[in-house]
Every structure is written in C-alpha cells, then in structure tokens.
Amino acid sequence: MNSTVSAPRFILSKKIILEQYSKVKDVADIVAFSSKTNPKVSPLIEAETDGLLSVHMPNELKHTEDMSRVLFLAQAWTPEMIRELYEKGIRSFAVDNEFDLDTLLSTVDDTDWKITLLLRLKLKEHSIRTERYFVFGMSSDTINKRIAQLKGNKNIEKLGVHFHRKTQNVNEWKIRPEIEDALTEGTLEAIDILNIGGGLPSEYANTNVDVINGI
C-alpha cells in the first residue's frame, strides 16, 4: 500500500493579488507588500504596481530588482550591513529599537546619505490571544523623544512612525484615539509618514474580507 501523502498546494491568482492590492491602494497613499509573506508575489507587485516591498532579511532581496522600492526592516544589524544595503540602492529603513536606531545614526553621520526613516511604535494588541501583551517597537515616550531629536537631521529626507495591526480584528483598527494618545502634537507635525502594518487576506472560511471598510 502506498502511504505517500501528496504535499499540499496553494494556487496563487494574479488577478486576485492585484485586486487585493487595489483595495488597499484606494485607502492609502503608498502600499507595501511584505516579502516574507510570500516571496513569489514580490516580483508581481514590482512588475504590475507602483507598490513598495517591505523586506526583513538580506536574503529576501533576491526577489527584487529595483532596490529603491524596498523598505528594509532592521533586525540586529551592523554598520557593515547598513552600508551594504545602501550600496545596493536601498534608501528606506524601519527600526523597532534604540540599539538598531543608534547603529544606523552613527553609520550615516559622517556621510552625505539621504534616507527615509521610520520608527516602530509599540501598541498593545487587543485580540483574544494577545490582549495582555505589547508587540515589537518602542514606547510612545521614546518615539516622541527620538522624533524630536531626529527632525532636521541632515541625513533624513523623510521621517515617520510605523506600527502594526492585524487586519482581522476589527477593533484593532479603531486606532485613531490610541495614536492621538501615544504621539504628541509635535510628533504628528514633525513626521512625514504614518505607516500602518497589517494585511488584507483573501477569502477563507475564518476571515472577514469586509474589514477593509473599517480600515
């Protein structure tokens, strides 16, 4: 008896991917696709849209041709890695802790580089499984302090704040009061970009595709 079990397969629809992209594009100025979600989608986003590609690891860059469209999310990087990324053509970076931020600042300080920099804000999750926990990022006090320090930095062309919300919990998207509580008026005036991380799923049995209306 043959006990071999076929590997599960998923079919990617180019049409649906682009439809999902368009839904987000309708409610945002700029859309970025997370490369680690499905690297096979990255070339399609790059070829068929004007979207950016958020990348977490250098080895993910092999799926992208135009490095100017990469938003690189730092994870315990080194000055050498930062220089390599910049030399490849990457100009947009996001950091979620002060160590990585200070590593970046010390690396660019004696250069004429111009970068876009996003600081990740730590907001509490409200879903059933994670409601007691805070996710990655820096505290609001740290964000407000560092944004004030960074505004006018010669190397920073655009400055912003990044945070993450799971798309499937509608309550997660009632975040305007949280942002107003977390960020000072001075911070909101100082930043050029407010970047919301999350995802818009396809239609599965346990998902609510109408959540985009709340977003």
N, C-alpha and C. Protein backbone atom coordinates (compact mmCIF):
# COMPACT_ATOMS: atom_id res chain seq x y z
N MET A 1 0.85 -1.19 0.00
CA MET A 1 0.00 0.00 0.00
C MET A 1 0.88 1.25 0.00
N ASN A 2 0.56 2.16 -0.85
CA ASN A 2 1.34 3.39 -0.95
C ASN A 2 0.86 4.39 0.10
N SER A 3 1.76 4.72 1.05
CA SER A 3 1.37 5.63 2.13
C SER A 3 1.86 7.06 1.89
N THR A 4 2.38 7.29 0.71
CA THR A 4 2.89 8.63 0.40
C THR A 4 1.75 9.64 0.36
N VAL A 5 1.93 10.73 1.06
CA VAL A 5 0.93 11.80 1.09
C VAL A 5 1.42 12.95 0.24
N SER A 6 0.60 13.39 -0.66
CA SER A 6 0.98 14.49 -1.53
C SER A 6 1.15 15.77 -0.72
N ALA A 7 2.14 16.54 -1.10
CA ALA A 7 2.36 17.82 -0.43
C ALA A 7 1.21 18.76 -0.75
N PRO A 8 0.76 19.55 0.25
CA PRO A 8 -0.34 20.49 -0.02
C PRO A 8 0.10 21.55 -1.01
N ARG A 9 -0.82 22.00 -1.80
CA ARG A 9 -0.51 23.02 -2.79
C ARG A 9 -1.52 24.16 -2.70
N PHE A 10 -1.01 25.37 -2.92
CA PHE A 10 -1.86 26.54 -2.94
C PHE A 10 -1.72 27.21 -4.30
N ILE A 11 -2.82 27.65 -4.83
CA ILE A 11 -2.80 28.31 -6.13
C ILE A 11 -2.86 29.82 -5.93
N LEU A 12 -1.88 30.51 -6.48
CA LEU A 12 -1.86 31.97 -6.42
C LEU A 12 -2.53 32.54 -7.66
N SER A 13 -3.47 33.42 -7.46
CA SER A 13 -4.16 34.06 -8.57
C SER A 13 -3.62 35.47 -8.76
N LYS A 14 -3.01 35.71 -9.91
CA LYS A 14 -2.51 37.04 -10.22
C LYS A 14 -3.64 38.06 -10.17
N LYS A 15 -4.78 37.70 -10.68
CA LYS A 15 -5.93 38.60 -10.71
C LYS A 15 -6.35 39.01 -9.30
N ILE A 16 -6.44 38.03 -8.40
CA ILE A 16 -6.87 38.32 -7.03
C ILE A 16 -5.82 39.13 -6.28
N ILE A 17 -4.56 38.81 -6.50
CA ILE A 17 -3.48 39.58 -5.86
C ILE A 17 -3.58 41.05 -6.23
N LEU A 18 -3.77 41.33 -7.49
CA LEU A 18 -3.85 42.72 -7.94
C LEU A 18 -5.14 43.38 -7.47
N GLU A 19 -6.21 42.60 -7.36
CA GLU A 19 -7.46 43.15 -6.82
C GLU A 19 -7.29 43.54 -5.35
N GLN A 20 -6.62 42.69 -4.60
CA GLN A 20 -6.36 42.99 -3.19
C GLN A 20 -5.48 44.23 -3.06
N TYR A 21 -4.48 44.31 -3.91
CA TYR A 21 -3.61 45.49 -3.91
C TYR A 21 -4.42 46.75 -4.16
N SER A 22 -5.32 46.70 -5.12
CA SER A 22 -6.12 47.87 -5.48
C SER A 22 -7.02 48.31 -4.33
N LYS A 23 -7.54 47.35 -3.57
CA LYS A 23 -8.39 47.70 -2.43
C LYS A 23 -7.63 48.52 -1.40
N VAL A 24 -6.39 48.11 -1.14
CA VAL A 24 -5.59 48.84 -0.17
C VAL A 24 -5.15 50.19 -0.75
N LYS A 25 -4.79 50.18 -2.02
CA LYS A 25 -4.34 51.41 -2.68
C LYS A 25 -5.42 52.48 -2.63
N ASP A 26 -6.68 52.08 -2.67
CA ASP A 26 -7.78 53.03 -2.64
C ASP A 26 -7.86 53.80 -1.32
N VAL A 27 -7.31 53.24 -0.25
CA VAL A 27 -7.42 53.90 1.06
C VAL A 27 -6.05 54.31 1.62
N ALA A 28 -5.01 54.22 0.82
CA ALA A 28 -3.67 54.58 1.29
C ALA A 28 -2.92 55.34 0.21
N ASP A 29 -1.96 56.14 0.63
CA ASP A 29 -1.14 56.88 -0.34
C ASP A 29 -0.09 55.97 -0.96
N ILE A 30 0.50 55.10 -0.14
CA ILE A 30 1.54 54.18 -0.60
C ILE A 30 1.24 52.80 -0.01
N VAL A 31 1.42 51.77 -0.82
CA VAL A 31 1.20 50.40 -0.35
C VAL A 31 2.51 49.62 -0.44
N ALA A 32 2.80 48.85 0.60
CA ALA A 32 3.99 47.99 0.59
C ALA A 32 3.57 46.56 0.87
N PHE A 33 4.14 45.63 0.11
CA PHE A 33 3.87 44.20 0.31
C PHE A 33 5.02 43.58 1.09
N SER A 34 4.69 42.78 2.10
CA SER A 34 5.70 42.12 2.91
C SER A 34 6.26 40.91 2.17
N SER A 35 7.52 40.97 1.81
CA SER A 35 8.13 39.92 1.02
C SER A 35 8.12 38.57 1.72
N LYS A 36 8.28 38.57 3.05
CA LYS A 36 8.34 37.29 3.76
C LYS A 36 6.99 36.57 3.77
N THR A 37 5.89 37.30 3.53
CA THR A 37 4.57 36.67 3.48
C THR A 37 4.51 35.64 2.36
N ASN A 38 4.99 36.03 1.20
CA ASN A 38 5.09 35.10 0.07
C ASN A 38 6.04 35.69 -0.96
N PRO A 39 7.29 35.26 -0.95
CA PRO A 39 8.29 35.83 -1.86
C PRO A 39 7.92 35.72 -3.34
N LYS A 40 7.08 34.75 -3.68
CA LYS A 40 6.69 34.59 -5.09
C LYS A 40 5.81 35.74 -5.57
N VAL A 41 5.21 36.46 -4.64
CA VAL A 41 4.33 37.57 -5.01
C VAL A 41 5.14 38.85 -5.26
N SER A 42 6.30 38.95 -4.65
CA SER A 42 7.09 40.18 -4.75
C SER A 42 7.38 40.61 -6.19
N PRO A 43 7.83 39.71 -7.07
CA PRO A 43 8.08 40.13 -8.46
C PRO A 43 6.83 40.65 -9.16
N LEU A 44 5.67 40.09 -8.81
CA LEU A 44 4.42 40.55 -9.41
C LEU A 44 4.08 41.96 -8.95
N ILE A 45 4.23 42.21 -7.65
CA ILE A 45 3.97 43.55 -7.12
C ILE A 45 4.92 44.56 -7.76
N GLU A 46 6.17 44.16 -7.91
CA GLU A 46 7.15 45.07 -8.50
C GLU A 46 6.85 45.35 -9.97
N ALA A 47 6.41 44.34 -10.70
CA ALA A 47 6.19 44.49 -12.14
C ALA A 47 4.86 45.14 -12.48
N GLU A 48 3.83 44.88 -11.68
CA GLU A 48 2.48 45.28 -12.06
C GLU A 48 1.93 46.47 -11.28
N THR A 49 2.64 46.94 -10.25
CA THR A 49 2.13 48.04 -9.44
C THR A 49 3.25 49.04 -9.17
N ASP A 50 2.88 50.11 -8.47
CA ASP A 50 3.89 51.07 -8.03
C ASP A 50 4.20 50.89 -6.55
N GLY A 51 3.82 49.74 -5.99
CA GLY A 51 3.99 49.49 -4.57
C GLY A 51 5.42 49.25 -4.15
N LEU A 52 5.64 49.37 -2.84
CA LEU A 52 6.94 49.08 -2.26
C LEU A 52 6.96 47.63 -1.78
N LEU A 53 8.14 47.18 -1.40
CA LEU A 53 8.31 45.83 -0.87
C LEU A 53 9.01 45.92 0.47
N SER A 54 8.34 45.49 1.53
CA SER A 54 8.98 45.50 2.84
C SER A 54 9.75 44.20 3.02
N VAL A 55 11.00 44.33 3.42
CA VAL A 55 11.93 43.20 3.49
C VAL A 55 12.56 43.15 4.88
N HIS A 56 12.63 41.95 5.45
CA HIS A 56 13.16 41.79 6.80
C HIS A 56 14.59 41.25 6.84
N MET A 57 14.99 40.52 5.79
CA MET A 57 16.30 39.89 5.79
C MET A 57 16.98 40.12 4.44
N PRO A 58 18.32 40.27 4.45
CA PRO A 58 19.03 40.49 3.18
C PRO A 58 18.78 39.42 2.14
N ASN A 59 18.60 38.15 2.56
CA ASN A 59 18.42 37.10 1.57
C ASN A 59 17.08 37.19 0.84
N GLU A 60 16.16 38.00 1.35
CA GLU A 60 14.89 38.22 0.66
C GLU A 60 15.05 39.15 -0.54
N LEU A 61 16.14 39.87 -0.58
CA LEU A 61 16.34 40.86 -1.65
C LEU A 61 16.49 40.23 -3.02
N LYS A 62 16.77 38.94 -3.06
CA LYS A 62 16.94 38.26 -4.35
C LYS A 62 15.65 38.24 -5.15
N HIS A 63 14.53 38.54 -4.51
CA HIS A 63 13.25 38.54 -5.22
C HIS A 63 12.91 39.91 -5.80
N THR A 64 13.79 40.89 -5.60
CA THR A 64 13.52 42.26 -6.03
C THR A 64 14.63 42.78 -6.93
N GLU A 65 14.25 43.48 -7.97
CA GLU A 65 15.24 44.07 -8.89
C GLU A 65 15.52 45.52 -8.55
N ASP A 66 14.48 46.30 -8.31
CA ASP A 66 14.64 47.73 -8.05
C ASP A 66 14.72 47.97 -6.54
N MET A 67 15.93 48.12 -6.03
CA MET A 67 16.13 48.26 -4.59
C MET A 67 15.59 49.57 -4.03
N SER A 68 15.35 50.54 -4.89
CA SER A 68 14.80 51.81 -4.41
C SER A 68 13.36 51.65 -3.93
N ARG A 69 12.75 50.51 -4.25
CA ARG A 69 11.38 50.25 -3.82
C ARG A 69 11.30 49.37 -2.58
N VAL A 70 12.43 49.17 -1.93
CA VAL A 70 12.48 48.33 -0.73
C VAL A 70 12.39 49.18 0.53
N LEU A 71 11.54 48.75 1.45
CA LEU A 71 11.54 49.26 2.82
C LEU A 71 12.15 48.16 3.67
N PHE A 72 13.35 48.41 4.19
CA PHE A 72 14.07 47.38 4.93
C PHE A 72 13.82 47.55 6.42
N LEU A 73 13.31 46.48 7.06
CA LEU A 73 13.02 46.50 8.49
C LEU A 73 14.19 45.88 9.24
N ALA A 74 14.87 46.70 10.02
CA ALA A 74 16.11 46.29 10.67
C ALA A 74 15.88 45.25 11.76
N GLN A 75 16.81 44.31 11.85
CA GLN A 75 16.79 43.30 12.91
C GLN A 75 18.22 43.00 13.33
N ALA A 76 18.68 43.68 14.38
CA ALA A 76 20.02 43.46 14.92
C ALA A 76 21.09 43.60 13.84
N TRP A 77 21.05 44.72 13.12
CA TRP A 77 22.02 44.89 12.05
C TRP A 77 23.33 45.50 12.53
N THR A 78 24.30 45.54 11.62
CA THR A 78 25.62 46.08 11.91
C THR A 78 25.91 47.22 10.94
N PRO A 79 26.90 48.06 11.24
CA PRO A 79 27.27 49.11 10.30
C PRO A 79 27.62 48.56 8.92
N GLU A 80 28.27 47.40 8.89
CA GLU A 80 28.64 46.79 7.61
C GLU A 80 27.41 46.43 6.80
N MET A 81 26.41 45.87 7.46
CA MET A 81 25.18 45.51 6.76
C MET A 81 24.47 46.76 6.24
N ILE A 82 24.44 47.80 7.05
CA ILE A 82 23.78 49.04 6.64
C ILE A 82 24.45 49.61 5.39
N ARG A 83 25.77 49.62 5.39
CA ARG A 83 26.49 50.14 4.21
C ARG A 83 26.21 49.28 2.98
N GLU A 84 26.17 47.97 3.15
CA GLU A 84 25.88 47.08 2.02
C GLU A 84 24.48 47.34 1.47
N LEU A 85 23.52 47.53 2.35
CA LEU A 85 22.14 47.78 1.91
C LEU A 85 22.05 49.10 1.15
N TYR A 86 22.73 50.11 1.66
CA TYR A 86 22.71 51.41 1.00
C TYR A 86 23.38 51.34 -0.37
N GLU A 87 24.49 50.63 -0.43
CA GLU A 87 25.20 50.48 -1.70
C GLU A 87 24.38 49.73 -2.74
N LYS A 88 23.49 48.87 -2.29
CA LYS A 88 22.59 48.16 -3.21
C LYS A 88 21.51 49.07 -3.77
N GLY A 89 21.29 50.22 -3.12
CA GLY A 89 20.28 51.16 -3.60
C GLY A 89 19.10 51.34 -2.67
N ILE A 90 19.13 50.70 -1.50
CA ILE A 90 18.04 50.83 -0.53
C ILE A 90 18.16 52.14 0.22
N ARG A 91 17.05 52.87 0.29
CA ARG A 91 17.05 54.19 0.92
C ARG A 91 16.01 54.33 2.03
N SER A 92 15.16 53.32 2.21
CA SER A 92 14.09 53.40 3.21
C SER A 92 14.29 52.32 4.27
N PHE A 93 14.26 52.75 5.54
CA PHE A 93 14.54 51.83 6.63
C PHE A 93 13.54 52.03 7.77
N ALA A 94 13.23 50.94 8.48
CA ALA A 94 12.40 50.99 9.68
C ALA A 94 13.14 50.28 10.80
N VAL A 95 13.11 50.87 11.99
CA VAL A 95 13.78 50.26 13.15
C VAL A 95 12.78 50.14 14.30
N ASP A 96 12.93 49.08 15.11
CA ASP A 96 11.98 48.89 16.20
C ASP A 96 12.61 48.94 17.59
N ASN A 97 13.89 49.36 17.66
CA ASN A 97 14.53 49.52 18.96
C ASN A 97 15.63 50.56 18.86
N GLU A 98 16.02 51.09 20.01
CA GLU A 98 17.00 52.19 20.02
C GLU A 98 18.40 51.72 19.65
N PHE A 99 18.74 50.48 19.94
CA PHE A 99 20.07 49.99 19.57
C PHE A 99 20.24 50.03 18.05
N ASP A 100 19.27 49.48 17.32
CA ASP A 100 19.36 49.49 15.86
C ASP A 100 19.30 50.91 15.32
N LEU A 101 18.51 51.76 15.97
CA LEU A 101 18.43 53.16 15.55
C LEU A 101 19.78 53.85 15.71
N ASP A 102 20.40 53.68 16.86
CA ASP A 102 21.69 54.34 17.10
C ASP A 102 22.78 53.79 16.19
N THR A 103 22.71 52.50 15.87
CA THR A 103 23.66 51.92 14.93
C THR A 103 23.53 52.58 13.56
N LEU A 104 22.30 52.80 13.14
CA LEU A 104 22.07 53.47 11.85
C LEU A 104 22.56 54.90 11.88
N LEU A 105 22.23 55.63 12.94
CA LEU A 105 22.60 57.04 13.02
C LEU A 105 24.12 57.23 13.04
N SER A 106 24.82 56.38 13.76
CA SER A 106 26.28 56.50 13.81
C SER A 106 26.92 56.14 12.48
N THR A 107 26.26 55.25 11.73
CA THR A 107 26.80 54.83 10.43
C THR A 107 26.63 55.93 9.39
N VAL A 108 25.51 56.62 9.41
CA VAL A 108 25.25 57.62 8.37
C VAL A 108 25.79 59.00 8.72
N ASP A 109 26.18 59.20 9.98
CA ASP A 109 26.52 60.54 10.46
C ASP A 109 27.60 61.23 9.65
N ASP A 110 28.63 60.50 9.24
CA ASP A 110 29.74 61.13 8.52
C ASP A 110 29.63 60.93 7.00
N THR A 111 28.39 60.74 6.53
CA THR A 111 28.16 60.56 5.10
C THR A 111 27.23 61.65 4.57
N ASP A 112 27.04 61.64 3.25
CA ASP A 112 26.07 62.56 2.65
C ASP A 112 24.79 61.80 2.25
N TRP A 113 24.57 60.65 2.88
CA TRP A 113 23.40 59.85 2.55
C TRP A 113 22.11 60.59 2.86
N LYS A 114 21.08 60.27 2.09
CA LYS A 114 19.73 60.76 2.34
C LYS A 114 18.81 59.54 2.43
N ILE A 115 18.14 59.39 3.56
CA ILE A 115 17.31 58.20 3.77
C ILE A 115 15.92 58.57 4.25
N THR A 116 15.01 57.61 4.11
CA THR A 116 13.70 57.67 4.76
C THR A 116 13.77 56.76 5.97
N LEU A 117 13.37 57.28 7.14
CA LEU A 117 13.50 56.52 8.38
C LEU A 117 12.16 56.46 9.11
N LEU A 118 11.74 55.24 9.44
CA LEU A 118 10.52 55.02 10.22
C LEU A 118 10.88 54.40 11.56
N LEU A 119 10.30 54.92 12.64
CA LEU A 119 10.48 54.34 13.97
C LEU A 119 9.22 53.55 14.32
N ARG A 120 9.40 52.32 14.78
CA ARG A 120 8.24 51.49 15.08
C ARG A 120 7.70 51.77 16.47
N LEU A 121 6.43 52.11 16.52
CA LEU A 121 5.72 52.39 17.77
C LEU A 121 5.12 51.10 18.32
N LYS A 122 5.29 50.90 19.61
CA LYS A 122 4.73 49.71 20.27
C LYS A 122 3.32 50.02 20.75
N LEU A 123 2.34 49.36 20.13
CA LEU A 123 0.95 49.50 20.56
C LEU A 123 0.46 48.17 21.10
N LYS A 124 -0.44 48.22 22.06
CA LYS A 124 -0.96 46.99 22.66
C LYS A 124 -1.88 46.27 21.69
N GLU A 125 -1.74 44.94 21.64
CA GLU A 125 -2.65 44.13 20.83
C GLU A 125 -3.93 43.89 21.61
N HIS A 126 -5.06 43.84 20.90
CA HIS A 126 -6.34 43.66 21.57
C HIS A 126 -7.06 42.37 21.16
N SER A 127 -6.39 41.51 20.44
CA SER A 127 -7.04 40.27 20.03
C SER A 127 -7.12 39.31 21.21
N ILE A 128 -7.90 38.27 21.07
CA ILE A 128 -8.15 37.34 22.17
C ILE A 128 -6.86 36.71 22.68
N ARG A 129 -5.98 36.36 21.78
CA ARG A 129 -4.77 35.63 22.18
C ARG A 129 -3.67 36.53 22.72
N THR A 130 -3.67 37.79 22.32
CA THR A 130 -2.52 38.64 22.66
C THR A 130 -2.91 39.90 23.40
N GLU A 131 -4.13 39.97 23.96
CA GLU A 131 -4.60 41.22 24.52
C GLU A 131 -3.78 41.69 25.72
N ARG A 132 -3.04 40.78 26.35
CA ARG A 132 -2.26 41.17 27.53
C ARG A 132 -0.85 41.62 27.17
N TYR A 133 -0.51 41.55 25.90
CA TYR A 133 0.88 41.75 25.52
C TYR A 133 1.08 42.93 24.59
N PHE A 134 2.26 43.48 24.64
CA PHE A 134 2.65 44.51 23.69
C PHE A 134 3.58 43.89 22.66
N VAL A 135 3.49 44.35 21.45
CA VAL A 135 4.29 43.77 20.38
C VAL A 135 5.60 44.54 20.22
N PHE A 136 6.32 44.25 19.16
CA PHE A 136 7.60 44.89 18.92
C PHE A 136 7.46 46.40 18.76
N GLY A 137 8.52 47.09 19.10
CA GLY A 137 8.53 48.53 18.90
C GLY A 137 9.03 49.27 20.12
N MET A 138 9.04 50.59 20.00
CA MET A 138 9.49 51.46 21.07
C MET A 138 8.29 52.12 21.75
N SER A 139 8.46 52.48 23.00
CA SER A 139 7.38 53.12 23.75
C SER A 139 7.05 54.48 23.15
N SER A 140 5.87 54.97 23.46
CA SER A 140 5.47 56.28 22.94
C SER A 140 6.40 57.38 23.45
N ASP A 141 6.86 57.27 24.70
CA ASP A 141 7.79 58.28 25.23
C ASP A 141 9.08 58.29 24.42
N THR A 142 9.58 57.11 24.10
CA THR A 142 10.81 57.02 23.31
C THR A 142 10.60 57.56 21.91
N ILE A 143 9.48 57.20 21.29
CA ILE A 143 9.19 57.69 19.94
C ILE A 143 9.13 59.20 19.92
N ASN A 144 8.39 59.78 20.85
CA ASN A 144 8.25 61.24 20.87
C ASN A 144 9.59 61.93 21.09
N LYS A 145 10.41 61.36 21.97
CA LYS A 145 11.73 61.94 22.25
C LYS A 145 12.63 61.85 21.03
N ARG A 146 12.68 60.68 20.40
CA ARG A 146 13.60 60.48 19.29
C ARG A 146 13.14 61.23 18.04
N ILE A 147 11.86 61.33 17.79
CA ILE A 147 11.38 62.09 16.64
C ILE A 147 11.80 63.55 16.78
N ALA A 148 11.67 64.10 17.99
CA ALA A 148 12.08 65.49 18.22
C ALA A 148 13.57 65.66 17.97
N GLN A 149 14.36 64.67 18.36
CA GLN A 149 15.81 64.74 18.14
C GLN A 149 16.17 64.61 16.67
N LEU A 150 15.42 63.80 15.94
CA LEU A 150 15.77 63.47 14.56
C LEU A 150 15.26 64.49 13.55
N LYS A 151 14.24 65.25 13.91
CA LYS A 151 13.71 66.23 12.98
C LYS A 151 14.80 67.23 12.61
N GLY A 152 15.04 67.38 11.33
CA GLY A 152 16.09 68.28 10.87
C GLY A 152 17.43 67.61 10.69
N ASN A 153 17.53 66.31 10.98
CA ASN A 153 18.78 65.58 10.77
C ASN A 153 19.17 65.65 9.29
N LYS A 154 20.41 65.96 9.03
CA LYS A 154 20.88 66.19 7.66
C LYS A 154 20.77 64.96 6.77
N ASN A 155 20.76 63.79 7.38
CA ASN A 155 20.72 62.55 6.60
C ASN A 155 19.31 62.00 6.37
N ILE A 156 18.33 62.57 7.07
CA ILE A 156 16.97 62.04 6.99
C ILE A 156 16.10 62.92 6.10
N GLU A 157 15.77 62.37 4.95
CA GLU A 157 14.95 63.10 3.98
C GLU A 157 13.48 63.07 4.36
N LYS A 158 13.01 61.89 4.82
CA LYS A 158 11.63 61.75 5.29
C LYS A 158 11.64 60.96 6.59
N LEU A 159 10.82 61.42 7.54
CA LEU A 159 10.79 60.83 8.87
C LEU A 159 9.37 60.36 9.17
N GLY A 160 9.25 59.19 9.77
CA GLY A 160 7.90 58.69 10.03
C GLY A 160 7.82 57.74 11.20
N VAL A 161 6.59 57.30 11.47
CA VAL A 161 6.30 56.33 12.52
C VAL A 161 5.60 55.13 11.89
N HIS A 162 6.01 53.94 12.31
CA HIS A 162 5.43 52.69 11.82
C HIS A 162 4.82 51.93 12.99
N PHE A 163 3.65 51.34 12.79
CA PHE A 163 3.09 50.43 13.78
C PHE A 163 2.36 49.32 13.05
N HIS A 164 2.01 48.28 13.78
CA HIS A 164 1.42 47.10 13.14
C HIS A 164 0.09 46.75 13.77
N ARG A 165 -0.86 46.40 12.91
CA ARG A 165 -2.18 45.95 13.36
C ARG A 165 -2.61 44.76 12.53
N LYS A 166 -3.18 43.76 13.20
CA LYS A 166 -3.71 42.60 12.47
C LYS A 166 -5.03 42.99 11.83
N THR A 167 -5.20 42.70 10.57
CA THR A 167 -6.37 43.14 9.82
C THR A 167 -7.65 42.49 10.30
N GLN A 168 -7.57 41.26 10.77
CA GLN A 168 -8.80 40.51 11.00
C GLN A 168 -9.55 40.87 12.27
N ASN A 169 -8.96 41.62 13.17
CA ASN A 169 -9.68 42.05 14.35
C ASN A 169 -10.14 43.48 14.11
N VAL A 170 -11.43 43.67 13.87
CA VAL A 170 -11.94 44.99 13.51
C VAL A 170 -11.60 46.02 14.59
N ASN A 171 -11.68 45.61 15.86
CA ASN A 171 -11.39 46.54 16.93
C ASN A 171 -9.95 47.05 16.88
N GLU A 172 -9.07 46.24 16.29
CA GLU A 172 -7.68 46.66 16.18
C GLU A 172 -7.55 47.91 15.31
N TRP A 173 -8.53 48.14 14.46
CA TRP A 173 -8.40 49.24 13.52
C TRP A 173 -9.02 50.53 14.04
N LYS A 174 -9.60 50.49 15.24
CA LYS A 174 -10.09 51.72 15.86
C LYS A 174 -8.92 52.34 16.62
N ILE A 175 -7.96 52.80 15.88
CA ILE A 175 -6.69 53.16 16.48
C ILE A 175 -6.44 54.65 16.54
N ARG A 176 -7.31 55.45 15.96
CA ARG A 176 -7.06 56.89 15.99
C ARG A 176 -6.89 57.42 17.42
N PRO A 177 -7.78 57.06 18.36
CA PRO A 177 -7.57 57.53 19.73
C PRO A 177 -6.24 57.07 20.32
N GLU A 178 -5.83 55.85 20.00
CA GLU A 178 -4.56 55.34 20.52
C GLU A 178 -3.38 56.15 19.99
N ILE A 179 -3.43 56.47 18.70
CA ILE A 179 -2.35 57.25 18.10
C ILE A 179 -2.31 58.65 18.70
N GLU A 180 -3.49 59.23 18.88
CA GLU A 180 -3.55 60.58 19.46
C GLU A 180 -3.05 60.58 20.90
N ASP A 181 -3.26 59.48 21.62
CA ASP A 181 -2.75 59.38 22.99
C ASP A 181 -1.25 59.11 23.01
N ALA A 182 -0.77 58.34 22.04
CA ALA A 182 0.63 57.91 22.05
C ALA A 182 1.58 58.97 21.52
N LEU A 183 1.17 59.67 20.47
CA LEU A 183 2.05 60.64 19.82
C LEU A 183 1.64 62.06 20.15
N THR A 184 2.62 62.87 20.51
CA THR A 184 2.32 64.26 20.82
C THR A 184 2.00 65.04 19.56
N GLU A 185 1.40 66.19 19.75
CA GLU A 185 1.09 67.04 18.59
C GLU A 185 2.37 67.41 17.86
N GLY A 186 3.44 67.62 18.62
CA GLY A 186 4.71 67.95 17.99
C GLY A 186 5.23 66.83 17.12
N THR A 187 5.06 65.59 17.57
CA THR A 187 5.49 64.44 16.78
C THR A 187 4.67 64.32 15.51
N LEU A 188 3.35 64.46 15.63
CA LEU A 188 2.48 64.35 14.46
C LEU A 188 2.80 65.43 13.42
N GLU A 189 3.19 66.59 13.89
CA GLU A 189 3.55 67.67 12.96
C GLU A 189 4.93 67.43 12.36
N ALA A 190 5.80 66.75 13.08
CA ALA A 190 7.18 66.56 12.62
C ALA A 190 7.32 65.46 11.58
N ILE A 191 6.45 64.45 11.63
CA ILE A 191 6.63 63.31 10.74
C ILE A 191 6.03 63.55 9.36
N ASP A 192 6.61 62.87 8.39
CA ASP A 192 6.11 62.93 7.01
C ASP A 192 5.25 61.71 6.67
N ILE A 193 5.46 60.61 7.40
CA ILE A 193 4.81 59.34 7.06
C ILE A 193 4.26 58.68 8.31
N LEU A 194 3.03 58.14 8.22
CA LEU A 194 2.47 57.26 9.24
C LEU A 194 2.19 55.94 8.54
N ASN A 195 2.97 54.93 8.87
CA ASN A 195 2.92 53.66 8.15
C ASN A 195 2.21 52.60 8.99
N ILE A 196 1.12 52.06 8.46
CA ILE A 196 0.33 51.06 9.17
C ILE A 196 0.66 49.68 8.62
N GLY A 197 1.24 48.82 9.44
CA GLY A 197 1.49 47.45 9.03
C GLY A 197 0.29 46.59 9.31
N GLY A 198 0.04 45.62 8.45
CA GLY A 198 -1.09 44.73 8.64
C GLY A 198 -1.23 43.87 7.40
N GLY A 199 -2.40 43.35 7.16
CA GLY A 199 -2.58 42.54 5.97
C GLY A 199 -4.03 42.44 5.57
N LEU A 200 -4.25 42.30 4.29
CA LEU A 200 -5.61 42.10 3.77
C LEU A 200 -5.68 40.69 3.20
N PRO A 201 -6.34 39.76 3.90
CA PRO A 201 -6.34 38.36 3.46
C PRO A 201 -7.28 38.12 2.29
N SER A 202 -7.06 37.01 1.65
CA SER A 202 -8.02 36.56 0.65
C SER A 202 -9.20 35.95 1.39
N GLU A 203 -10.14 35.41 0.65
CA GLU A 203 -11.38 34.93 1.28
C GLU A 203 -11.23 33.48 1.72
N TYR A 204 -11.19 33.31 3.04
CA TYR A 204 -11.15 31.98 3.63
C TYR A 204 -12.34 31.82 4.57
N ALA A 205 -12.53 30.61 5.07
CA ALA A 205 -13.70 30.34 5.91
C ALA A 205 -13.69 31.15 7.20
N ASN A 206 -12.49 31.47 7.72
CA ASN A 206 -12.41 32.14 9.01
C ASN A 206 -11.97 33.59 8.91
N THR A 207 -12.15 34.22 7.76
CA THR A 207 -11.74 35.61 7.61
C THR A 207 -12.91 36.49 7.22
N ASN A 208 -12.75 37.76 7.51
CA ASN A 208 -13.77 38.75 7.20
C ASN A 208 -13.21 39.74 6.20
N VAL A 209 -13.53 39.55 4.95
CA VAL A 209 -12.93 40.39 3.90
C VAL A 209 -13.50 41.80 3.91
N ASP A 210 -14.61 42.02 4.62
CA ASP A 210 -15.21 43.35 4.67
C ASP A 210 -14.50 44.28 5.64
N VAL A 211 -13.48 43.78 6.32
CA VAL A 211 -12.78 44.59 7.31
C VAL A 211 -12.13 45.83 6.68
N ILE A 212 -11.88 45.80 5.38
CA ILE A 212 -11.27 46.95 4.70
C ILE A 212 -12.10 48.20 4.89
N ASN A 213 -13.42 48.07 5.02
CA ASN A 213 -14.26 49.24 5.23
C ASN A 213 -13.92 49.95 6.53
N GLY A 214 -13.60 49.17 7.56
CA GLY A 214 -13.21 49.76 8.83
C GLY A 214 -11.86 50.44 8.76
N ILE A 215 -10.96 49.87 7.98
CA ILE A 215 -9.64 50.46 7.81
C ILE A 215 -9.75 51.81 7.15
